[in-house]
């Protein structure tokens, strides 16, 4: 907050720290599922997030380029498979995003309670 008229300082607002790569709904879902599963198969992500294969591939490319996930291609029997795992940077980015969201929620709940 600034001293003038108790207006919030925009640089202090939790949304200014949200990571555009992580915060996008599908990518946040990918990171959360990969965190829970440790290693997740492409088809499982596609089903859980209700995406087309092409759409999921584009989001995975963004996350891989940012260094947040590793993509491993291989075979299970004769079928080609793609597995996704979080990198240490991905775990950090997810934790930071969740932390920012918690701060944002706390601010909204505190402001709402007083009205």
N, C-alpha and C. Protein backbone atom coordinates (compact mmCIF):
# COMPACT_ATOMS: atom_id res chain seq x y z
N UNK A 1 0.83 -1.18 0.00
CA UNK A 1 0.00 0.00 0.00
C UNK A 1 0.88 1.25 0.00
N UNK A 2 0.43 2.24 -0.70
CA UNK A 2 1.14 3.51 -0.66
C UNK A 2 0.50 4.37 0.41
N UNK A 3 1.21 5.38 0.84
CA UNK A 3 0.70 6.25 1.89
C UNK A 3 -0.46 7.09 1.40
N UNK A 4 -0.50 7.39 0.12
CA UNK A 4 -1.54 8.24 -0.42
C UNK A 4 -2.82 7.45 -0.62
N UNK A 5 -3.83 7.80 0.16
CA UNK A 5 -5.19 7.26 0.03
C UNK A 5 -5.23 5.74 0.14
N UNK A 6 -4.27 5.14 0.81
CA UNK A 6 -4.25 3.69 1.00
C UNK A 6 -4.45 2.90 -0.28
N UNK A 7 -3.89 3.40 -1.37
CA UNK A 7 -3.99 2.66 -2.63
C UNK A 7 -2.85 1.66 -2.70
N UNK A 8 -3.12 0.47 -3.18
CA UNK A 8 -2.08 -0.55 -3.25
C UNK A 8 -0.98 -0.16 -4.22
N UNK A 9 0.24 -0.48 -3.88
CA UNK A 9 1.38 -0.30 -4.76
C UNK A 9 1.35 -1.48 -5.74
N UNK A 10 1.20 -1.22 -7.06
CA UNK A 10 1.06 -2.33 -8.02
C UNK A 10 2.23 -3.32 -7.97
N UNK A 11 3.43 -2.85 -7.63
CA UNK A 11 4.56 -3.76 -7.61
C UNK A 11 4.49 -4.74 -6.45
N UNK A 12 3.63 -4.47 -5.46
CA UNK A 12 3.47 -5.35 -4.31
C UNK A 12 2.39 -6.41 -4.52
N UNK A 13 1.62 -6.28 -5.57
CA UNK A 13 0.50 -7.19 -5.76
C UNK A 13 0.99 -8.57 -6.19
N UNK A 14 0.44 -9.63 -5.60
CA UNK A 14 0.92 -10.99 -5.92
C UNK A 14 0.78 -11.39 -7.38
N UNK A 15 -0.14 -10.80 -8.12
CA UNK A 15 -0.28 -11.19 -9.53
C UNK A 15 0.90 -10.75 -10.37
N UNK A 16 1.65 -9.73 -9.91
CA UNK A 16 2.79 -9.28 -10.70
C UNK A 16 3.89 -10.33 -10.74
N UNK A 17 3.89 -11.25 -9.80
CA UNK A 17 4.90 -12.29 -9.78
C UNK A 17 4.49 -13.60 -10.41
N UNK A 18 3.25 -13.67 -10.92
CA UNK A 18 2.82 -14.92 -11.55
C UNK A 18 3.63 -15.17 -12.82
N UNK A 19 4.02 -16.40 -13.02
CA UNK A 19 4.84 -16.80 -14.15
C UNK A 19 3.91 -17.11 -15.33
N UNK A 20 4.04 -16.36 -16.41
CA UNK A 20 3.15 -16.53 -17.57
C UNK A 20 3.23 -17.93 -18.17
N UNK A 21 4.39 -18.54 -18.13
CA UNK A 21 4.54 -19.89 -18.68
C UNK A 21 3.79 -20.88 -17.80
N UNK A 22 3.94 -20.75 -16.50
CA UNK A 22 3.34 -21.70 -15.55
C UNK A 22 1.86 -21.44 -15.35
N UNK A 23 1.47 -20.19 -15.30
CA UNK A 23 0.11 -19.84 -14.86
C UNK A 23 -0.98 -20.24 -15.86
N UNK A 24 -0.66 -20.38 -17.10
CA UNK A 24 -1.67 -20.75 -18.08
C UNK A 24 -2.34 -22.06 -17.62
N UNK A 25 -3.65 -22.13 -17.69
CA UNK A 25 -4.44 -23.22 -17.12
C UNK A 25 -3.93 -24.61 -17.48
N UNK A 26 -3.72 -24.89 -18.74
CA UNK A 26 -3.30 -26.22 -19.16
C UNK A 26 -1.89 -26.53 -18.65
N UNK A 27 -0.99 -25.56 -18.77
CA UNK A 27 0.39 -25.80 -18.32
C UNK A 27 0.46 -25.98 -16.81
N UNK A 28 -0.34 -25.23 -16.07
CA UNK A 28 -0.39 -25.42 -14.62
C UNK A 28 -0.91 -26.82 -14.31
N UNK A 29 -1.89 -27.28 -15.06
CA UNK A 29 -2.41 -28.64 -14.88
C UNK A 29 -1.36 -29.70 -15.19
N UNK A 30 -0.59 -29.50 -16.25
CA UNK A 30 0.47 -30.45 -16.61
C UNK A 30 1.49 -30.54 -15.48
N UNK A 31 1.92 -29.38 -14.99
CA UNK A 31 2.92 -29.37 -13.92
C UNK A 31 2.39 -30.01 -12.65
N UNK A 32 1.14 -29.72 -12.31
CA UNK A 32 0.55 -30.29 -11.09
C UNK A 32 0.43 -31.80 -11.19
N UNK A 33 -0.03 -32.30 -12.32
CA UNK A 33 -0.17 -33.75 -12.50
C UNK A 33 1.20 -34.41 -12.51
N UNK A 34 2.17 -33.81 -13.20
CA UNK A 34 3.52 -34.37 -13.24
C UNK A 34 4.14 -34.38 -11.85
N UNK A 35 3.84 -33.37 -11.05
CA UNK A 35 4.35 -33.33 -9.68
C UNK A 35 3.76 -34.46 -8.84
N UNK A 36 2.46 -34.69 -9.00
CA UNK A 36 1.78 -35.75 -8.24
C UNK A 36 2.27 -37.13 -8.67
N UNK A 37 2.48 -37.32 -9.97
CA UNK A 37 2.77 -38.64 -10.51
C UNK A 37 4.27 -38.96 -10.58
N UNK A 38 5.11 -37.96 -10.48
CA UNK A 38 6.57 -38.09 -10.65
C UNK A 38 6.96 -38.34 -12.11
N UNK A 39 6.23 -39.21 -12.80
CA UNK A 39 6.45 -39.49 -14.23
C UNK A 39 5.08 -39.80 -14.81
N UNK A 40 4.69 -39.06 -15.83
CA UNK A 40 3.34 -39.21 -16.35
C UNK A 40 3.39 -39.45 -17.86
N UNK A 41 2.49 -40.29 -18.33
CA UNK A 41 2.44 -40.65 -19.74
C UNK A 41 1.57 -39.65 -20.49
N UNK A 42 1.96 -39.34 -21.71
CA UNK A 42 1.28 -38.38 -22.57
C UNK A 42 -0.22 -38.64 -22.64
N UNK A 43 -0.61 -39.87 -22.89
CA UNK A 43 -2.03 -40.21 -23.03
C UNK A 43 -2.82 -39.92 -21.76
N UNK A 44 -2.22 -40.15 -20.62
CA UNK A 44 -2.88 -39.86 -19.35
C UNK A 44 -3.12 -38.36 -19.22
N UNK A 45 -2.11 -37.56 -19.53
CA UNK A 45 -2.28 -36.11 -19.48
C UNK A 45 -3.37 -35.66 -20.44
N UNK A 46 -3.35 -36.19 -21.65
CA UNK A 46 -4.34 -35.81 -22.66
C UNK A 46 -5.76 -36.07 -22.16
N UNK A 47 -5.95 -37.24 -21.56
CA UNK A 47 -7.27 -37.60 -21.04
C UNK A 47 -7.67 -36.75 -19.85
N UNK A 48 -6.78 -36.60 -18.89
CA UNK A 48 -7.09 -35.86 -17.67
C UNK A 48 -7.38 -34.38 -17.94
N UNK A 49 -6.69 -33.80 -18.89
CA UNK A 49 -6.85 -32.38 -19.19
C UNK A 49 -7.82 -32.13 -20.34
N UNK A 50 -8.36 -33.21 -20.91
CA UNK A 50 -9.34 -33.13 -22.00
C UNK A 50 -8.82 -32.29 -23.17
N UNK A 51 -7.66 -32.71 -23.69
CA UNK A 51 -7.00 -31.98 -24.77
C UNK A 51 -6.82 -32.87 -25.99
N UNK A 52 -6.64 -32.24 -27.13
CA UNK A 52 -6.22 -33.00 -28.31
C UNK A 52 -4.72 -33.26 -28.18
N UNK A 53 -4.24 -34.23 -28.91
CA UNK A 53 -2.81 -34.54 -28.87
C UNK A 53 -1.98 -33.34 -29.34
N UNK A 54 -2.44 -32.66 -30.37
CA UNK A 54 -1.72 -31.51 -30.89
C UNK A 54 -1.65 -30.36 -29.90
N UNK A 55 -2.77 -30.10 -29.23
CA UNK A 55 -2.81 -29.03 -28.24
C UNK A 55 -1.87 -29.34 -27.08
N UNK A 56 -1.93 -30.57 -26.57
CA UNK A 56 -1.05 -30.96 -25.48
C UNK A 56 0.41 -30.86 -25.91
N UNK A 57 0.72 -31.30 -27.11
CA UNK A 57 2.10 -31.24 -27.61
C UNK A 57 2.63 -29.81 -27.60
N UNK A 58 1.81 -28.86 -28.00
CA UNK A 58 2.24 -27.46 -28.02
C UNK A 58 2.56 -26.96 -26.61
N UNK A 59 1.71 -27.30 -25.65
CA UNK A 59 1.96 -26.88 -24.26
C UNK A 59 3.21 -27.55 -23.70
N UNK A 60 3.41 -28.82 -24.03
CA UNK A 60 4.60 -29.53 -23.56
C UNK A 60 5.87 -28.90 -24.14
N UNK A 61 5.80 -28.47 -25.38
CA UNK A 61 6.95 -27.81 -26.01
C UNK A 61 7.30 -26.52 -25.28
N UNK A 62 6.29 -25.74 -24.91
CA UNK A 62 6.54 -24.50 -24.16
C UNK A 62 7.22 -24.81 -22.84
N UNK A 63 6.72 -25.80 -22.12
CA UNK A 63 7.28 -26.16 -20.82
C UNK A 63 8.69 -26.73 -20.96
N UNK A 64 8.91 -27.54 -21.99
CA UNK A 64 10.24 -28.12 -22.20
C UNK A 64 11.24 -27.03 -22.58
N UNK A 65 10.85 -26.11 -23.45
CA UNK A 65 11.72 -25.01 -23.85
C UNK A 65 12.10 -24.14 -22.65
N UNK A 66 11.17 -23.98 -21.72
CA UNK A 66 11.43 -23.19 -20.51
C UNK A 66 12.26 -23.97 -19.49
N UNK A 67 12.51 -25.24 -19.76
CA UNK A 67 13.32 -26.05 -18.86
C UNK A 67 12.56 -26.58 -17.66
N UNK A 68 11.23 -26.60 -17.74
CA UNK A 68 10.41 -27.01 -16.59
C UNK A 68 10.06 -28.49 -16.59
N UNK A 69 10.15 -29.14 -17.77
CA UNK A 69 9.88 -30.57 -17.86
C UNK A 69 10.92 -31.23 -18.74
N UNK A 70 11.06 -32.53 -18.56
CA UNK A 70 11.83 -33.37 -19.47
C UNK A 70 10.85 -34.29 -20.17
N UNK A 71 11.08 -34.50 -21.45
CA UNK A 71 10.24 -35.41 -22.23
C UNK A 71 11.10 -36.58 -22.67
N UNK A 72 10.60 -37.78 -22.39
CA UNK A 72 11.31 -39.02 -22.72
C UNK A 72 10.43 -39.84 -23.66
N UNK A 73 10.97 -40.19 -24.79
CA UNK A 73 10.24 -41.03 -25.73
C UNK A 73 10.83 -42.43 -25.71
N UNK A 74 9.95 -43.41 -25.79
CA UNK A 74 10.41 -44.79 -25.76
C UNK A 74 9.29 -45.72 -26.17
N UNK A 75 9.44 -46.96 -25.78
CA UNK A 75 8.45 -47.98 -26.13
C UNK A 75 8.04 -48.74 -24.90
N UNK A 76 6.78 -49.09 -24.89
CA UNK A 76 6.23 -50.01 -23.90
C UNK A 76 5.67 -51.15 -24.74
N UNK A 77 6.40 -52.25 -24.75
CA UNK A 77 6.06 -53.30 -25.71
C UNK A 77 6.39 -52.79 -27.10
N UNK A 78 5.43 -52.86 -28.00
CA UNK A 78 5.65 -52.37 -29.36
C UNK A 78 5.06 -50.97 -29.57
N UNK A 79 4.44 -50.43 -28.54
CA UNK A 79 3.78 -49.13 -28.68
C UNK A 79 4.70 -48.00 -28.24
N UNK A 80 4.77 -46.98 -29.07
CA UNK A 80 5.54 -45.79 -28.73
C UNK A 80 4.88 -45.05 -27.58
N UNK A 81 5.67 -44.55 -26.67
CA UNK A 81 5.17 -43.82 -25.51
C UNK A 81 6.00 -42.56 -25.30
N UNK A 82 5.37 -41.58 -24.68
CA UNK A 82 6.04 -40.35 -24.29
C UNK A 82 5.75 -40.12 -22.82
N UNK A 83 6.83 -39.93 -22.02
CA UNK A 83 6.68 -39.68 -20.60
C UNK A 83 7.20 -38.29 -20.27
N UNK A 84 6.56 -37.68 -19.30
CA UNK A 84 6.89 -36.33 -18.88
C UNK A 84 7.27 -36.36 -17.41
N UNK A 85 8.39 -35.70 -17.07
CA UNK A 85 8.79 -35.54 -15.67
C UNK A 85 9.16 -34.07 -15.44
N UNK A 86 8.96 -33.64 -14.21
CA UNK A 86 9.36 -32.28 -13.84
C UNK A 86 10.87 -32.22 -13.65
N UNK A 87 11.44 -31.13 -14.05
CA UNK A 87 12.85 -30.86 -13.74
C UNK A 87 12.89 -30.18 -12.37
N UNK A 88 14.06 -30.07 -11.76
CA UNK A 88 14.14 -29.30 -10.51
C UNK A 88 13.62 -27.87 -10.69
N UNK A 89 13.91 -27.27 -11.84
CA UNK A 89 13.40 -25.92 -12.12
C UNK A 89 11.88 -25.91 -12.20
N UNK A 90 11.31 -26.98 -12.75
CA UNK A 90 9.86 -27.10 -12.83
C UNK A 90 9.22 -27.21 -11.46
N UNK A 91 9.84 -27.96 -10.57
CA UNK A 91 9.33 -28.08 -9.20
C UNK A 91 9.37 -26.73 -8.50
N UNK A 92 10.47 -26.00 -8.69
CA UNK A 92 10.60 -24.67 -8.09
C UNK A 92 9.56 -23.71 -8.65
N UNK A 93 9.41 -23.70 -9.96
CA UNK A 93 8.45 -22.80 -10.60
C UNK A 93 7.02 -23.10 -10.14
N UNK A 94 6.67 -24.37 -10.02
CA UNK A 94 5.34 -24.74 -9.54
C UNK A 94 5.15 -24.29 -8.10
N UNK A 95 6.13 -24.53 -7.25
CA UNK A 95 6.03 -24.12 -5.85
C UNK A 95 5.89 -22.61 -5.72
N UNK A 96 6.66 -21.86 -6.51
CA UNK A 96 6.56 -20.40 -6.47
C UNK A 96 5.19 -19.92 -6.94
N UNK A 97 4.67 -20.55 -7.97
CA UNK A 97 3.35 -20.17 -8.49
C UNK A 97 2.27 -20.43 -7.44
N UNK A 98 2.32 -21.60 -6.81
CA UNK A 98 1.36 -21.94 -5.76
C UNK A 98 1.47 -20.94 -4.61
N UNK A 99 2.70 -20.59 -4.24
CA UNK A 99 2.91 -19.61 -3.17
C UNK A 99 2.28 -18.27 -3.51
N UNK A 100 2.48 -17.79 -4.73
CA UNK A 100 1.88 -16.52 -5.17
C UNK A 100 0.35 -16.61 -5.13
N UNK A 101 -0.19 -17.73 -5.59
CA UNK A 101 -1.65 -17.89 -5.58
C UNK A 101 -2.19 -17.89 -4.15
N UNK A 102 -1.48 -18.49 -3.22
CA UNK A 102 -1.90 -18.49 -1.82
C UNK A 102 -1.92 -17.07 -1.26
N UNK A 103 -0.91 -16.28 -1.61
CA UNK A 103 -0.87 -14.88 -1.16
C UNK A 103 -2.05 -14.12 -1.76
N UNK A 104 -2.32 -14.34 -3.03
CA UNK A 104 -3.44 -13.67 -3.69
C UNK A 104 -4.77 -14.05 -3.03
N UNK A 105 -4.96 -15.32 -2.77
CA UNK A 105 -6.20 -15.79 -2.12
C UNK A 105 -6.33 -15.17 -0.74
N UNK A 106 -5.26 -15.14 0.02
CA UNK A 106 -5.30 -14.54 1.36
C UNK A 106 -5.69 -13.06 1.29
N UNK A 107 -5.14 -12.34 0.31
CA UNK A 107 -5.49 -10.92 0.16
C UNK A 107 -6.96 -10.74 -0.17
N UNK A 108 -7.46 -11.57 -1.07
CA UNK A 108 -8.88 -11.46 -1.46
C UNK A 108 -9.77 -11.81 -0.26
N UNK A 109 -9.44 -12.87 0.45
CA UNK A 109 -10.25 -13.27 1.59
C UNK A 109 -10.21 -12.22 2.70
N UNK A 110 -9.07 -11.61 2.94
CA UNK A 110 -8.95 -10.57 3.97
C UNK A 110 -9.78 -9.35 3.57
N UNK A 111 -9.74 -8.97 2.29
CA UNK A 111 -10.50 -7.81 1.82
C UNK A 111 -11.99 -8.10 1.85
N UNK A 112 -12.38 -9.32 1.53
CA UNK A 112 -13.80 -9.70 1.50
C UNK A 112 -14.39 -9.74 2.90
N UNK A 113 -13.63 -10.19 3.88
CA UNK A 113 -14.13 -10.32 5.24
C UNK A 113 -14.51 -8.98 5.85
N UNK A 114 -13.83 -7.93 5.46
CA UNK A 114 -14.09 -6.61 6.03
C UNK A 114 -15.30 -5.90 5.44
N UNK A 115 -15.94 -6.49 4.46
CA UNK A 115 -17.07 -5.81 3.79
C UNK A 115 -18.38 -6.40 4.16
